[in-house]
C-alpha atoms as a PDB file:
ATOM      1  CA  TRP A   1     110.119 -46.882  31.022  1.00  0.00           C
ATOM      2  CA  LEU A   2     108.710 -44.315  28.554  1.00  0.00           C
ATOM      3  CA  SER A   3     109.949 -46.223  25.556  1.00  0.00           C
ATOM      4  CA  LYS A   4     108.334 -49.402  26.902  1.00  0.00           C
ATOM      5  CA  LYS A   5     104.994 -47.657  27.350  1.00  0.00           C
ATOM      6  CA  ASP A   6     105.123 -46.052  23.935  1.00  0.00           C
ATOM      7  CA  ALA A   7     105.822 -49.476  22.469  1.00  0.00           C
ATOM      8  CA  LEU A   8     102.744 -50.739  24.157  1.00  0.00           C
ATOM      9  CA  SER A   9     100.718 -47.772  22.804  1.00  0.00           C
ATOM     10  CA  GLN A  10     100.001 -46.711  26.444  1.00  0.00           C
ATOM     11  CA  ASP A  11      99.466 -42.997  27.593  1.00  0.00           C
ATOM     12  CA  VAL A  12     101.296 -42.127  30.853  1.00  0.00           C
ATOM     13  CA  ILE A  13     101.435 -39.754  33.753  1.00  0.00           C
ATOM     14  CA  LEU A  14     104.676 -38.580  35.394  1.00  0.00           C
ATOM     15  CA  LEU A  15     104.680 -37.434  38.966  1.00  0.00           C
ATOM     16  CA  CYS A  16     107.268 -35.245  40.683  1.00  0.00           C
ATOM     17  CA  ASP A  17     107.568 -32.197  42.832  1.00  0.00           C
ATOM     18  CA  ASP A  18     109.749 -30.617  40.173  1.00  0.00           C
ATOM     19  CA  SER A  19     107.786 -29.691  36.936  1.00  0.00           C
ATOM     20  CA  GLU A  20     110.826 -28.556  35.021  1.00  0.00           C
ATOM     21  CA  PHE A  21     112.715 -31.765  35.732  1.00  0.00           C
ATOM     22  CA  MET A  22     109.712 -33.739  34.332  1.00  0.00           C
ATOM     23  CA  ARG A  23     109.701 -31.547  31.132  1.00  0.00           C
ATOM     24  CA  THR A  24     113.369 -32.141  30.708  1.00  0.00           C
ATOM     25  CA  ILE A  25     112.905 -35.983  30.938  1.00  0.00           C
ATOM     26  CA  VAL A  26     110.206 -35.928  28.349  1.00  0.00           C
ATOM     27  CA  ARG A  27     112.252 -33.810  25.963  1.00  0.00           C
ATOM     28  CA  VAL A  28     115.344 -35.917  26.308  1.00  0.00           C
ATOM     29  CA  TRP A  29     113.222 -39.092  25.790  1.00  0.00           C
ATOM     30  CA  ALA A  30     111.499 -37.477  22.709  1.00  0.00           C
ATOM     31  CA  CYS A  31     114.936 -36.595  21.270  1.00  0.00           C
ATOM     32  CA  LEU A  32     116.486 -40.008  21.801  1.00  0.00           C
ATOM     33  CA  SER A  33     113.337 -41.796  20.396  1.00  0.00           C
ATOM     34  CA  ASN A  34     113.015 -39.377  17.438  1.00  0.00           C
ATOM     35  CA  ARG A  35     109.527 -38.332  18.563  1.00  0.00           C
ATOM     36  CA  THR A  36     107.939 -34.837  18.121  1.00  0.00           C
ATOM     37  CA  ILE A  37     106.282 -33.108  21.100  1.00  0.00           C
ATOM     38  CA  GLU A  38     103.419 -30.932  20.152  1.00  0.00           C
ATOM     39  CA  SER A  39     103.076 -27.516  21.859  1.00  0.00           C
ATOM     40  CA  PRO A  40     102.512 -28.216  25.544  1.00  0.00           C
ATOM     41  CA  VAL A  41      99.109 -27.543  26.986  1.00  0.00           C
ATOM     42  CA  ALA A  42      99.169 -25.939  30.481  1.00  0.00           C
ATOM     43  CA  LEU A  43      95.856 -27.000  32.154  1.00  0.00           C
ATOM     44  CA  GLY A  44      94.143 -24.733  34.697  1.00  0.00           C
ATOM     45  CA  ARG A  45      90.931 -23.090  35.699  1.00  0.00           C
ATOM     46  CA  ASP A  46      90.847 -20.939  32.451  1.00  0.00           C
ATOM     47  CA  THR A  47      91.505 -23.970  30.125  1.00  0.00           C
ATOM     48  CA  THR A  48      88.547 -24.689  27.757  1.00  0.00           C
ATOM     49  CA  ALA A  49      87.743 -27.329  25.200  1.00  0.00           C
ATOM     50  CA  GLU A  50      88.909 -24.801  22.520  1.00  0.00           C
ATOM     51  CA  ASP A  51      92.423 -24.847  23.836  1.00  0.00           C
ATOM     52  CA  LEU A  52      92.670 -28.569  23.065  1.00  0.00           C
ATOM     53  CA  ARG A  53      90.338 -28.839  20.107  1.00  0.00           C
ATOM     54  CA  GLN A  54      90.017 -25.818  17.806  1.00  0.00           C
ATOM     55  CA  ARG A  55      90.159 -22.064  18.196  1.00  0.00           C
ATOM     56  CA  ARG A  56      88.607 -19.454  15.962  1.00  0.00           C
ATOM     57  CA  GLU A  57      91.148 -16.952  14.682  1.00  0.00           C
ATOM     58  CA  LEU A  58      91.143 -13.967  12.139  1.00  0.00           C
ATOM     59  CA  LEU A  59      93.126 -14.434   9.069  1.00  0.00           C
ATOM     60  CA  SER A  60      93.015 -11.853   6.262  1.00  0.00           C
ATOM     61  CA  SER A  61      89.692 -10.397   7.681  1.00  0.00           C
ATOM     62  CA  SER A  62      88.236 -13.839   7.721  1.00  0.00           C
ATOM     63  CA  SER A  63      87.348 -16.046  10.731  1.00  0.00           C
ATOM     64  CA  ILE A  64      88.725 -19.517  10.465  1.00  0.00           C
ATOM     65  CA  LEU A  65      89.018 -22.576  12.852  1.00  0.00           C
ATOM     66  CA  VAL A  66      92.542 -23.423  13.686  1.00  0.00           C
ATOM     67  CA  ASP A  67      93.544 -26.867  14.967  1.00  0.00           C
ATOM     68  CA  GLN A  68      94.937 -26.822  18.555  1.00  0.00           C
ATOM     69  CA  PRO A  69      97.680 -29.037  20.043  1.00  0.00           C
ATOM     70  CA  ALA A  70      95.480 -32.035  20.897  1.00  0.00           C
ATOM     71  CA  VAL A  71      94.218 -32.230  17.287  1.00  0.00           C
ATOM     72  CA  ARG A  72      97.516 -31.663  15.645  1.00  0.00           C
ATOM     73  CA  ALA A  73      99.208 -34.275  17.824  1.00  0.00           C
ATOM     74  CA  ALA A  74      96.518 -36.866  17.146  1.00  0.00           C
ATOM     75  CA  LEU A  75      96.447 -36.302  13.403  1.00  0.00           C
ATOM     76  CA  PHE A  76     100.165 -36.242  12.824  1.00  0.00           C
ATOM     77  CA  GLY A  77     101.308 -38.953  15.336  1.00  0.00           C
ATOM     78  CA  ARG A  78     103.020 -36.516  17.836  1.00  0.00           C
ATOM     79  CA  VAL A  79     103.253 -36.520  21.613  1.00  0.00           C
ATOM     80  CA  LEU A  80     100.661 -34.422  23.397  1.00  0.00           C
ATOM     81  CA  LEU A  81     102.116 -32.983  26.666  1.00  0.00           C
ATOM     82  CA  LEU A  82      99.537 -32.033  29.280  1.00  0.00           C
ATOM     83  CA  GLU A  83     101.035 -29.993  32.091  1.00  0.00           C
ATOM     84  CA  GLY A  84      99.324 -29.675  35.464  1.00  0.00           C
ATOM     85  CA  ILE A  85      96.902 -32.581  34.931  1.00  0.00           C
ATOM     86  CA  GLU A  86      95.902 -32.189  38.678  1.00  0.00           C
ATOM     87  CA  ARG A  87      94.377 -28.816  37.848  1.00  0.00           C
ATOM     88  CA  VAL A  88      92.134 -30.073  34.943  1.00  0.00           C
ATOM     89  CA  GLU A  89      88.597 -28.810  35.217  1.00  0.00           C
ATOM     90  CA  ARG A  90      85.606 -30.980  35.051  1.00  0.00           C
ATOM     91  CA  ASN A  91      84.170 -29.264  31.931  1.00  0.00           C
ATOM     92  CA  ILE A  92      87.007 -30.675  29.714  1.00  0.00           C
ATOM     93  CA  LEU A  93      87.304 -34.127  31.391  1.00  0.00           C
ATOM     94  CA  PRO A  94      84.890 -35.770  28.892  1.00  0.00           C
ATOM     95  CA  LEU A  95      87.048 -34.486  26.078  1.00  0.00           C
ATOM     96  CA  ILE A  96      90.228 -35.740  27.497  1.00  0.00           C
ATOM     97  CA  ASN A  97      88.914 -39.091  28.633  1.00  0.00           C
ATOM     98  CA  ASN A  98      87.355 -39.714  25.195  1.00  0.00           C
ATOM     99  CA  LEU A  99      90.658 -38.936  23.477  1.00  0.00           C
ATOM    100  CA  LEU A 100      92.488 -41.248  25.857  1.00  0.00           C
ATOM    101  CA  GLU A 101      90.179 -44.134  25.859  1.00  0.00           C
ATOM    102  CA  ASN A 102      88.552 -44.051  22.421  1.00  0.00           C
ATOM    103  CA  ARG A 103      90.995 -41.927  20.370  1.00  0.00           C
ATOM    104  CA  GLU A 104      87.971 -39.872  19.240  1.00  0.00           C
ATOM    105  CA  MET A 105      86.963 -36.228  19.124  1.00  0.00           C
ATOM    106  CA  SER A 106      84.300 -34.215  17.356  1.00  0.00           C
ATOM    107  CA  LEU A 107      85.637 -30.958  15.870  1.00  0.00           C
ATOM    108  CA  ASP A 108      83.834 -27.599  15.565  1.00  0.00           C
ATOM    109  CA  ASP A 109      84.474 -27.541  11.839  1.00  0.00           C
ATOM    110  CA  GLY A 110      82.388 -30.730  11.356  1.00  0.00           C
ATOM    111  CA  ARG A 111      85.191 -33.239  11.204  1.00  0.00           C
ATOM    112  CA  PHE A 112      85.410 -36.310  13.420  1.00  0.00           C
ATOM    113  CA  MET A 113      88.626 -37.837  14.593  1.00  0.00           C
ATOM    114  CA  MET A 114      88.392 -41.639  14.754  1.00  0.00           C
ATOM    115  CA  SER A 115      90.648 -44.229  16.286  1.00  0.00           C
ATOM    116  CA  PRO A 116      92.970 -45.961  13.766  1.00  0.00           C
ATOM    117  CA  MET A 117      91.482 -49.325  14.513  1.00  0.00           C
ATOM    118  CA  ARG A 118      87.847 -48.221  13.705  1.00  0.00           C
ATOM    119  CA  PHE A 119      89.065 -46.244  10.634  1.00  0.00           C
ATOM    120  CA  ASP A 120      90.892 -49.274   9.233  1.00  0.00           C
ATOM    121  CA  ALA A 121      87.894 -51.435   9.948  1.00  0.00           C
ATOM    122  CA  LEU A 122      85.707 -49.154   7.735  1.00  0.00           C
ATOM    123  CA  ILE A 123      88.143 -49.302   4.938  1.00  0.00           C
ATOM    124  CA  ASN A 124      88.411 -53.065   5.071  1.00  0.00           C
ATOM    125  CA  GLU A 125      84.716 -53.638   5.664  1.00  0.00           C
ATOM    126  CA  ASN A 126      83.174 -56.604   3.664  1.00  0.00           C
ATOM    127  CA  LYS A 127      86.711 -57.625   2.531  1.00  0.00           C
ATOM    128  CA  ASP A 128      86.030 -61.236   3.382  1.00  0.00           C
ATOM    129  CA  ASP A 129      82.440 -61.414   2.300  1.00  0.00           C
ATOM    130  CA  PRO A 130      82.034 -64.845   0.616  1.00  0.00           C
ATOM    131  CA  SER A 131      79.204 -63.650  -1.588  1.00  0.00           C
ATOM    132  CA  SER A 132      81.560 -61.182  -3.306  1.00  0.00           C
ATOM    133  CA  SER A 133      83.981 -62.019  -6.001  1.00  0.00           C
ATOM    134  CA  SER A 134      87.648 -61.389  -5.155  1.00  0.00           C
ATOM    135  CA  SER A 135      88.038 -59.335  -8.304  1.00  0.00           C
ATOM    136  CA  SER A 136      85.158 -56.862  -7.639  1.00  0.00           C
ATOM    137  CA  SER A 137      84.907 -56.329  -3.883  1.00  0.00           C
ATOM    138  CA  SER A 138      88.099 -57.257  -1.992  1.00  0.00           C
ATOM    139  CA  PHE A 139      88.923 -53.480  -1.254  1.00  0.00           C
ATOM    140  CA  GLU A 140      92.498 -53.843  -2.156  1.00  0.00           C
ATOM    141  CA  GLY A 141      94.717 -51.182  -3.746  1.00  0.00           C
ATOM    142  CA  ASP A 142      92.630 -48.565  -5.531  1.00  0.00           C
ATOM    143  CA  GLU A 143      89.421 -49.664  -3.806  1.00  0.00           C
ATOM    144  CA  LYS A 144      90.937 -49.111  -0.267  1.00  0.00           C
ATOM    145  CA  GLU A 145      92.223 -45.662  -1.358  1.00  0.00           C
ATOM    146  CA  LYS A 146      88.774 -44.757  -2.817  1.00  0.00           C
ATOM    147  CA  ARG A 147      87.119 -45.715   0.570  1.00  0.00           C
ATOM    148  CA  ARG A 148      89.794 -43.715   2.516  1.00  0.00           C
ATOM    149  CA  LEU A 149      89.229 -40.650   0.340  1.00  0.00           C
ATOM    150  CA  PHE A 150      85.418 -40.993   0.738  1.00  0.00           C
ATOM    151  CA  LEU A 151      85.754 -41.038   4.565  1.00  0.00           C
ATOM    152  CA  LYS A 152      87.968 -37.968   4.460  1.00  0.00           C
ATOM    153  CA  SER A 153      85.482 -36.266   2.131  1.00  0.00           C
ATOM    154  CA  ILE A 154      82.766 -36.637   4.693  1.00  0.00           C
ATOM    155  CA  GLY A 155      84.927 -35.337   7.426  1.00  0.00           C
ATOM    156  CA  ILE A 156      86.263 -38.482   9.160  1.00  0.00           C
ATOM    157  CA  GLU A 157      89.865 -38.141  10.100  1.00  0.00           C
ATOM    158  CA  LYS A 158      92.152 -41.108  11.128  1.00  0.00           C
ATOM    159  CA  VAL A 159      93.968 -40.650  14.442  1.00  0.00           C
ATOM    160  CA  HIS A 160      97.708 -41.511  13.777  1.00  0.00           C
ATOM    161  CA  PRO A 161      98.648 -44.779  15.564  1.00  0.00           C
ATOM    162  CA  ASP A 162     101.726 -43.146  16.945  1.00  0.00           C
ATOM    163  CA  PHE A 163      99.785 -40.519  18.794  1.00  0.00           C
ATOM    164  CA  ARG A 164     100.645 -40.605  22.552  1.00  0.00           C
ATOM    165  CA  VAL A 165      99.605 -38.495  25.674  1.00  0.00           C
ATOM    166  CA  ILE A 166     102.139 -37.682  28.525  1.00  0.00           C
ATOM    167  CA  ALA A 167     100.601 -35.955  31.453  1.00  0.00           C
ATOM    168  CA  LEU A 168     102.648 -34.228  34.111  1.00  0.00           C
ATOM    169  CA  MET A 169     101.494 -33.995  37.720  1.00  0.00           C
ATOM    170  CA  ARG A 170     103.295 -31.884  40.266  1.00  0.00           C
ATOM    171  CA  LEU A 171     103.293 -33.312  43.703  1.00  0.00           C
ATOM    172  CA  SER A 172     103.862 -31.569  47.036  1.00  0.00           C
ATOM    173  CA  PRO A 173     107.175 -32.431  48.676  1.00  0.00           C
ATOM    174  CA  SER A 174     105.286 -34.486  51.259  1.00  0.00           C
ATOM    175  CA  SER A 175     103.734 -36.575  48.515  1.00  0.00           C
ATOM    176  CA  SER A 176     106.908 -37.350  46.659  1.00  0.00           C
ATOM    177  CA  SER A 177     107.406 -40.892  47.930  1.00  0.00           C
ATOM    178  CA  SER A 178     106.166 -44.282  46.711  1.00  0.00           C
ATOM    179  CA  SER A 179     104.090 -44.643  49.921  1.00  0.00           C
ATOM    180  CA  ASN A 180     102.140 -41.613  49.212  1.00  0.00           C
ATOM    181  CA  GLN A 181     102.053 -41.889  45.406  1.00  0.00           C
ATOM    182  CA  SER A 182      98.724 -43.720  45.072  1.00  0.00           C
ATOM    183  CA  SER A 183      96.902 -41.527  47.704  1.00  0.00           C
ATOM    184  CA  SER A 184      98.160 -38.445  45.838  1.00  0.00           C
ATOM    185  CA  ILE A 185      96.779 -39.578  42.513  1.00  0.00           C
ATOM    186  CA  ALA A 186      93.500 -40.697  44.003  1.00  0.00           C
ATOM    187  CA  ALA A 187      93.041 -37.402  45.719  1.00  0.00           C
ATOM    188  CA  SER A 188      93.970 -35.206  42.778  1.00  0.00           C
ATOM    189  CA  LEU A 189      92.627 -36.971  39.681  1.00  0.00           C
ATOM    190  CA  ASP A 190      89.190 -38.007  38.414  1.00  0.00           C
ATOM    191  CA  PRO A 191      88.926 -41.856  38.647  1.00  0.00           C
ATOM    192  CA  PRO A 192      88.122 -42.537  35.028  1.00  0.00           C
ATOM    193  CA  LEU A 193      91.127 -40.218  33.991  1.00  0.00           C
ATOM    194  CA  ARG A 194      93.352 -41.916  36.508  1.00  0.00           C
ATOM    195  CA  SER A 195      92.525 -45.383  35.122  1.00  0.00           C
ATOM    196  CA  ARG A 196      93.542 -44.471  31.642  1.00  0.00           C
ATOM    197  CA  LEU A 197      97.099 -43.286  32.524  1.00  0.00           C
ATOM    198  CA  GLN A 198     100.079 -45.422  33.412  1.00  0.00           C
ATOM    199  CA  ALA A 199     101.751 -43.711  36.402  1.00  0.00           C
ATOM    200  CA  ARG A 200     105.387 -43.312  37.235  1.00  0.00           C
ATOM    201  CA  LEU A 201     106.928 -41.558  40.188  1.00  0.00           C
ATOM    202  CA  VAL A 202     109.935 -39.473  39.204  1.00  0.00           C
ATOM    203  CA  PRO A 203     112.373 -38.902  42.086  1.00  0.00           C
ATOM    204  CA  SER A 204     113.548 -35.234  42.240  1.00  0.00           C
ATOM    205  CA  LEU A 205     117.192 -34.342  42.009  1.00  0.00           C
ATOM    206  CA  SER A 206     118.806 -33.259  45.184  1.00  0.00           C
ATOM    207  CA  SER A 207     120.832 -30.100  45.434  1.00  0.00           C
ATOM    208  CA  SER A 208     124.098 -32.113  45.434  1.00  0.00           C
ATOM    209  CA  SER A 209     122.913 -33.903  42.264  1.00  0.00           C
END
């Protein structure tokens, strides 16, 4: 199921009453699929936008902005693992929703992460303009590379097309059934966030298993 959603470029949410079991499933899938999981982000009351975006750190007596898991995963085409999505605070919901839906994020260092489709559209802009000769304005080869370097020079970063988000939601034992799945998601998640994630209920292992 995870591989199918990955092939469709869809972000997902796994639901189970055993958080460690869900983590194991994701790790096994990533290993079999040759995918890299970025450092997991444990969401909670103390989670801020800086925990996903950029954090200021000291390096050799200088203060620098360091990319955090969401940014690294987006730029390098890795899997972003969001643990405890049911505990996400409203102050970071716009950030997560924009990343899920539009593949966009404004960074504190002035850069802007842009979806691969929009980025490629800018590179190929005016490619088919009939008023331009094919030899001077077709944005092929060197011209495309010049446009890409220009966008990078003004701080526009392309989100990698292989970037995916997997959210984990821990259910209470009473909710760990297909009949209660929908009501559990509806009660715990913000509607716009819920609509952007493909859900899958993961049956927990019994003690005998």
